[in-house]
Amino acid sequence: MSSLSRPVAAIWIPSHVDPIEPHLMACLDHAKRCRYGLLGIITTAPWDEVRQLMIDGKVDVVVVAEREHLPPDRTPRIEVAARGAHPPAGSLPRGPVPPRRRRPRQG
């Protein structure tokens, strides 16, 4: 990934999850908040195939809807789209944070 391009994400929903719609919406919202480019939505491939996409450099991050969907042998850079898992982009500080100014002691 170049420093100028957006990270590429794939959304993975395990095949046993039904219905997928609420999980898919959570993942799509997460990917949008993080400003990821979306490679695709994977619902039928086993984890090994999704992991291979990461190894081959086709995706930078895999997004899952819930922590329970994570495979036990997962690799790094997998994000859970559950509420509160990622702060909104606008709330992150940009650059150094200036020191707090305090009032002099009254006394």
N, C-alpha and C. Protein backbone atom coordinates (compact mmCIF):
# COMPACT_ATOMS: atom_id res chain seq x y z
N MET A 1 0.84 -1.17 0.00
CA MET A 1 0.00 0.00 0.00
C MET A 1 0.89 1.23 0.00
N SER A 2 0.65 2.16 -0.88
CA SER A 2 1.42 3.40 -0.88
C SER A 2 0.87 4.33 0.18
N SER A 3 1.69 5.31 0.57
CA SER A 3 1.26 6.22 1.62
C SER A 3 0.12 7.13 1.15
N LEU A 4 -0.12 7.22 -0.16
CA LEU A 4 -1.17 8.08 -0.67
C LEU A 4 -2.48 7.35 -0.91
N SER A 5 -2.45 6.03 -0.98
CA SER A 5 -3.69 5.30 -1.25
C SER A 5 -4.36 4.88 0.05
N ARG A 6 -5.65 4.61 -0.07
CA ARG A 6 -6.41 4.16 1.09
C ARG A 6 -6.16 2.68 1.31
N PRO A 7 -6.18 2.23 2.57
CA PRO A 7 -6.07 0.79 2.81
C PRO A 7 -7.24 0.07 2.14
N VAL A 8 -6.97 -1.12 1.63
CA VAL A 8 -8.00 -1.93 0.98
C VAL A 8 -8.52 -2.94 1.99
N ALA A 9 -9.83 -3.00 2.12
CA ALA A 9 -10.46 -3.91 3.08
C ALA A 9 -11.32 -4.93 2.37
N ALA A 10 -11.45 -6.07 3.02
CA ALA A 10 -12.42 -7.08 2.62
C ALA A 10 -13.28 -7.35 3.84
N ILE A 11 -14.56 -7.51 3.64
CA ILE A 11 -15.47 -7.86 4.72
C ILE A 11 -15.68 -9.36 4.67
N TRP A 12 -15.49 -10.01 5.82
CA TRP A 12 -15.68 -11.46 5.88
C TRP A 12 -16.76 -11.77 6.89
N ILE A 13 -17.78 -12.47 6.43
CA ILE A 13 -18.86 -12.95 7.29
C ILE A 13 -18.86 -14.47 7.17
N PRO A 14 -18.61 -15.17 8.28
CA PRO A 14 -18.55 -16.64 8.22
C PRO A 14 -19.83 -17.22 7.64
N SER A 15 -19.70 -18.34 6.96
CA SER A 15 -20.84 -18.93 6.26
C SER A 15 -21.96 -19.38 7.20
N HIS A 16 -21.65 -19.62 8.47
CA HIS A 16 -22.70 -20.09 9.40
C HIS A 16 -23.57 -18.94 9.93
N VAL A 17 -23.20 -17.69 9.67
CA VAL A 17 -23.94 -16.54 10.19
C VAL A 17 -25.19 -16.31 9.35
N ASP A 18 -26.34 -16.27 10.01
CA ASP A 18 -27.60 -16.05 9.33
C ASP A 18 -28.56 -15.38 10.29
N PRO A 19 -29.17 -14.29 9.95
CA PRO A 19 -29.07 -13.55 8.70
C PRO A 19 -27.80 -12.70 8.67
N ILE A 20 -27.32 -12.40 7.48
CA ILE A 20 -26.07 -11.66 7.38
C ILE A 20 -26.28 -10.15 7.32
N GLU A 21 -27.50 -9.70 7.02
CA GLU A 21 -27.73 -8.28 6.77
C GLU A 21 -27.26 -7.36 7.90
N PRO A 22 -27.63 -7.62 9.18
CA PRO A 22 -27.17 -6.68 10.22
C PRO A 22 -25.65 -6.67 10.36
N HIS A 23 -25.03 -7.81 10.17
CA HIS A 23 -23.57 -7.90 10.26
C HIS A 23 -22.92 -7.18 9.08
N LEU A 24 -23.49 -7.36 7.91
CA LEU A 24 -22.98 -6.70 6.73
C LEU A 24 -23.06 -5.18 6.87
N MET A 25 -24.19 -4.68 7.37
CA MET A 25 -24.34 -3.23 7.55
C MET A 25 -23.32 -2.68 8.55
N ALA A 26 -23.07 -3.42 9.64
CA ALA A 26 -22.08 -2.97 10.63
C ALA A 26 -20.69 -2.90 9.99
N CYS A 27 -20.35 -3.89 9.19
CA CYS A 27 -19.04 -3.92 8.54
C CYS A 27 -18.92 -2.81 7.50
N LEU A 28 -19.96 -2.59 6.72
CA LEU A 28 -19.94 -1.53 5.72
C LEU A 28 -19.79 -0.16 6.38
N ASP A 29 -20.53 0.05 7.48
CA ASP A 29 -20.41 1.31 8.21
C ASP A 29 -18.99 1.51 8.73
N HIS A 30 -18.40 0.44 9.27
CA HIS A 30 -17.03 0.52 9.79
C HIS A 30 -16.05 0.86 8.68
N ALA A 31 -16.17 0.19 7.56
CA ALA A 31 -15.26 0.44 6.43
C ALA A 31 -15.41 1.88 5.93
N LYS A 32 -16.63 2.38 5.92
CA LYS A 32 -16.86 3.76 5.47
C LYS A 32 -16.26 4.75 6.46
N ARG A 33 -16.47 4.54 7.78
CA ARG A 33 -15.90 5.42 8.80
C ARG A 33 -14.37 5.47 8.71
N CYS A 34 -13.77 4.32 8.41
CA CYS A 34 -12.31 4.24 8.32
C CYS A 34 -11.78 4.66 6.97
N ARG A 35 -12.68 4.93 6.05
CA ARG A 35 -12.32 5.35 4.68
C ARG A 35 -11.48 4.30 3.97
N TYR A 36 -11.88 3.05 4.11
CA TYR A 36 -11.19 1.97 3.41
C TYR A 36 -11.74 1.82 2.01
N GLY A 37 -10.88 1.46 1.07
CA GLY A 37 -11.34 1.01 -0.23
C GLY A 37 -11.85 -0.42 -0.03
N LEU A 38 -12.94 -0.78 -0.63
CA LEU A 38 -13.55 -2.09 -0.39
C LEU A 38 -13.29 -3.02 -1.57
N LEU A 39 -12.56 -4.10 -1.30
CA LEU A 39 -12.30 -5.11 -2.33
C LEU A 39 -13.55 -5.95 -2.56
N GLY A 40 -14.23 -6.33 -1.49
CA GLY A 40 -15.42 -7.14 -1.64
C GLY A 40 -15.95 -7.66 -0.33
N ILE A 41 -17.06 -8.37 -0.44
CA ILE A 41 -17.73 -8.99 0.70
C ILE A 41 -17.64 -10.48 0.51
N ILE A 42 -17.07 -11.16 1.50
CA ILE A 42 -16.83 -12.60 1.38
C ILE A 42 -17.73 -13.32 2.37
N THR A 43 -18.59 -14.18 1.85
CA THR A 43 -19.52 -14.90 2.73
C THR A 43 -19.45 -16.41 2.56
N THR A 44 -18.75 -16.89 1.54
CA THR A 44 -18.73 -18.33 1.31
C THR A 44 -17.34 -18.93 1.44
N ALA A 45 -16.31 -18.14 1.42
CA ALA A 45 -14.94 -18.67 1.48
C ALA A 45 -14.55 -18.98 2.92
N PRO A 46 -13.79 -20.03 3.14
CA PRO A 46 -13.28 -20.31 4.48
C PRO A 46 -12.19 -19.31 4.86
N TRP A 47 -11.88 -19.25 6.15
CA TRP A 47 -10.90 -18.29 6.65
C TRP A 47 -9.55 -18.40 5.94
N ASP A 48 -9.11 -19.60 5.64
CA ASP A 48 -7.81 -19.77 5.00
C ASP A 48 -7.71 -19.00 3.68
N GLU A 49 -8.79 -18.95 2.92
CA GLU A 49 -8.78 -18.20 1.66
C GLU A 49 -8.74 -16.69 1.91
N VAL A 50 -9.42 -16.23 2.95
CA VAL A 50 -9.39 -14.82 3.29
C VAL A 50 -7.99 -14.43 3.76
N ARG A 51 -7.39 -15.27 4.58
CA ARG A 51 -6.03 -15.02 5.06
C ARG A 51 -5.06 -14.96 3.89
N GLN A 52 -5.26 -15.79 2.89
CA GLN A 52 -4.38 -15.80 1.72
C GLN A 52 -4.45 -14.46 0.97
N LEU A 53 -5.63 -13.84 0.95
CA LEU A 53 -5.75 -12.51 0.33
C LEU A 53 -4.84 -11.51 1.03
N MET A 54 -4.72 -11.63 2.35
CA MET A 54 -3.84 -10.74 3.11
C MET A 54 -2.38 -11.07 2.81
N ILE A 55 -2.05 -12.33 2.78
CA ILE A 55 -0.67 -12.75 2.52
C ILE A 55 -0.23 -12.31 1.13
N ASP A 56 -1.15 -12.42 0.16
CA ASP A 56 -0.84 -12.04 -1.22
C ASP A 56 -0.82 -10.52 -1.42
N GLY A 57 -1.19 -9.77 -0.38
CA GLY A 57 -1.18 -8.31 -0.48
C GLY A 57 -2.38 -7.73 -1.19
N LYS A 58 -3.43 -8.52 -1.39
CA LYS A 58 -4.62 -8.02 -2.09
C LYS A 58 -5.51 -7.19 -1.17
N VAL A 59 -5.44 -7.45 0.13
CA VAL A 59 -6.17 -6.65 1.11
C VAL A 59 -5.23 -6.29 2.25
N ASP A 60 -5.48 -5.12 2.85
CA ASP A 60 -4.69 -4.65 3.97
C ASP A 60 -5.35 -4.97 5.31
N VAL A 61 -6.65 -5.08 5.30
CA VAL A 61 -7.40 -5.30 6.54
C VAL A 61 -8.65 -6.12 6.23
N VAL A 62 -9.02 -6.99 7.16
CA VAL A 62 -10.26 -7.76 7.06
C VAL A 62 -11.18 -7.25 8.17
N VAL A 63 -12.43 -6.96 7.83
CA VAL A 63 -13.41 -6.47 8.79
C VAL A 63 -14.43 -7.56 9.05
N VAL A 64 -14.67 -7.84 10.33
CA VAL A 64 -15.71 -8.79 10.74
C VAL A 64 -16.71 -8.03 11.61
N ALA A 65 -17.93 -8.53 11.72
CA ALA A 65 -18.98 -7.82 12.44
C ALA A 65 -18.87 -7.97 13.95
N GLU A 66 -18.52 -9.15 14.43
CA GLU A 66 -18.50 -9.39 15.87
C GLU A 66 -17.26 -10.16 16.26
N ARG A 67 -16.83 -9.95 17.49
CA ARG A 67 -15.63 -10.63 17.99
C ARG A 67 -15.77 -12.15 17.88
N GLU A 68 -16.97 -12.67 18.03
CA GLU A 68 -17.20 -14.11 17.94
C GLU A 68 -16.94 -14.65 16.54
N HIS A 69 -16.93 -13.79 15.54
CA HIS A 69 -16.68 -14.22 14.17
C HIS A 69 -15.19 -14.41 13.88
N LEU A 70 -14.33 -13.92 14.76
CA LEU A 70 -12.89 -14.05 14.54
C LEU A 70 -12.46 -15.51 14.65
N PRO A 71 -11.67 -15.98 13.71
CA PRO A 71 -11.15 -17.34 13.83
C PRO A 71 -10.07 -17.38 14.91
N PRO A 72 -9.93 -18.50 15.60
CA PRO A 72 -8.94 -18.56 16.68
C PRO A 72 -7.50 -18.41 16.20
N ASP A 73 -7.22 -18.72 14.94
CA ASP A 73 -5.84 -18.63 14.42
C ASP A 73 -5.65 -17.39 13.54
N ARG A 74 -6.36 -16.32 13.88
CA ARG A 74 -6.34 -15.12 13.06
C ARG A 74 -4.96 -14.47 13.00
N THR A 75 -4.76 -13.71 11.94
CA THR A 75 -3.53 -12.94 11.78
C THR A 75 -3.83 -11.49 12.15
N PRO A 76 -2.82 -10.66 12.33
CA PRO A 76 -3.06 -9.26 12.68
C PRO A 76 -3.83 -8.52 11.59
N ARG A 77 -4.31 -7.36 11.94
CA ARG A 77 -5.03 -6.43 11.10
C ARG A 77 -6.40 -6.95 10.70
N ILE A 78 -7.11 -7.39 11.72
CA ILE A 78 -8.51 -7.75 11.56
C ILE A 78 -9.26 -6.84 12.52
N GLU A 79 -10.27 -6.17 12.03
CA GLU A 79 -11.00 -5.23 12.85
C GLU A 79 -12.44 -5.68 13.04
N VAL A 80 -12.93 -5.50 14.26
CA VAL A 80 -14.30 -5.85 14.60
C VAL A 80 -15.15 -4.59 14.48
N ALA A 81 -16.22 -4.68 13.74
CA ALA A 81 -17.06 -3.52 13.46
C ALA A 81 -18.07 -3.25 14.57
N ALA A 82 -17.99 -3.93 15.69
CA ALA A 82 -18.93 -3.72 16.79
C ALA A 82 -18.90 -2.27 17.23
N ARG A 83 -20.00 -1.81 17.77
CA ARG A 83 -20.11 -0.43 18.23
C ARG A 83 -18.98 -0.07 19.18
N GLY A 84 -18.38 1.07 18.95
CA GLY A 84 -17.34 1.55 19.83
C GLY A 84 -15.97 0.95 19.56
N ALA A 85 -15.84 0.11 18.55
CA ALA A 85 -14.56 -0.53 18.28
C ALA A 85 -13.58 0.42 17.62
N HIS A 86 -14.07 1.45 16.98
CA HIS A 86 -13.19 2.39 16.28
C HIS A 86 -13.76 3.78 16.45
N PRO A 87 -13.01 4.73 16.98
CA PRO A 87 -13.56 6.09 17.16
C PRO A 87 -13.79 6.76 15.82
N PRO A 88 -14.76 7.64 15.74
CA PRO A 88 -14.99 8.37 14.49
C PRO A 88 -13.74 9.16 14.11
N ALA A 89 -13.49 9.26 12.81
CA ALA A 89 -12.28 9.92 12.32
C ALA A 89 -12.18 11.36 12.82
N GLY A 90 -13.28 12.07 12.95
CA GLY A 90 -13.26 13.46 13.39
C GLY A 90 -12.89 13.64 14.85
N SER A 91 -12.99 12.58 15.65
CA SER A 91 -12.71 12.72 17.08
C SER A 91 -11.25 12.47 17.42
N LEU A 92 -10.46 12.00 16.47
CA LEU A 92 -9.06 11.74 16.73
C LEU A 92 -8.26 13.03 16.72
N PRO A 93 -7.34 13.22 17.68
CA PRO A 93 -6.54 14.43 17.64
C PRO A 93 -5.63 14.45 16.43
N ARG A 94 -5.41 15.62 15.89
CA ARG A 94 -4.53 15.76 14.72
C ARG A 94 -3.30 16.53 15.18
N GLY A 95 -2.17 15.89 15.09
CA GLY A 95 -0.92 16.53 15.48
C GLY A 95 -0.73 16.52 16.98
N PRO A 96 0.28 17.24 17.46
CA PRO A 96 0.56 17.24 18.89
C PRO A 96 -0.55 17.95 19.66
N VAL A 97 -0.80 17.48 20.86
CA VAL A 97 -1.82 18.06 21.71
C VAL A 97 -1.14 19.07 22.62
N PRO A 98 -1.61 20.33 22.62
CA PRO A 98 -0.96 21.33 23.47
C PRO A 98 -1.19 21.03 24.95
N PRO A 99 -0.27 21.44 25.82
CA PRO A 99 -0.46 21.18 27.25
C PRO A 99 -1.66 21.97 27.77
N ARG A 100 -2.29 21.43 28.79
CA ARG A 100 -3.43 22.10 29.39
C ARG A 100 -2.96 23.31 30.18
N ARG A 101 -3.71 24.36 30.09
CA ARG A 101 -3.41 25.55 30.92
C ARG A 101 -4.23 25.46 32.17
N ARG A 102 -3.61 25.70 33.30
CA ARG A 102 -4.32 25.63 34.57
C ARG A 102 -4.38 27.01 35.20
N ARG A 103 -5.42 27.21 35.97
CA ARG A 103 -5.53 28.47 36.70
C ARG A 103 -4.54 28.50 37.85
N PRO A 104 -4.01 29.67 38.17
CA PRO A 104 -3.13 29.74 39.34
C PRO A 104 -3.91 29.44 40.61
N ARG A 105 -3.23 28.88 41.57
CA ARG A 105 -3.89 28.56 42.86
C ARG A 105 -4.34 29.83 43.55
N GLN A 106 -5.52 29.75 44.06
CA GLN A 106 -6.06 30.87 44.84
C GLN A 106 -5.71 30.60 46.31
N GLY A 107 -5.16 31.52 46.92
CA GLY A 107 -4.84 31.14 48.17
C GLY A 107 -4.56 31.59 49.39
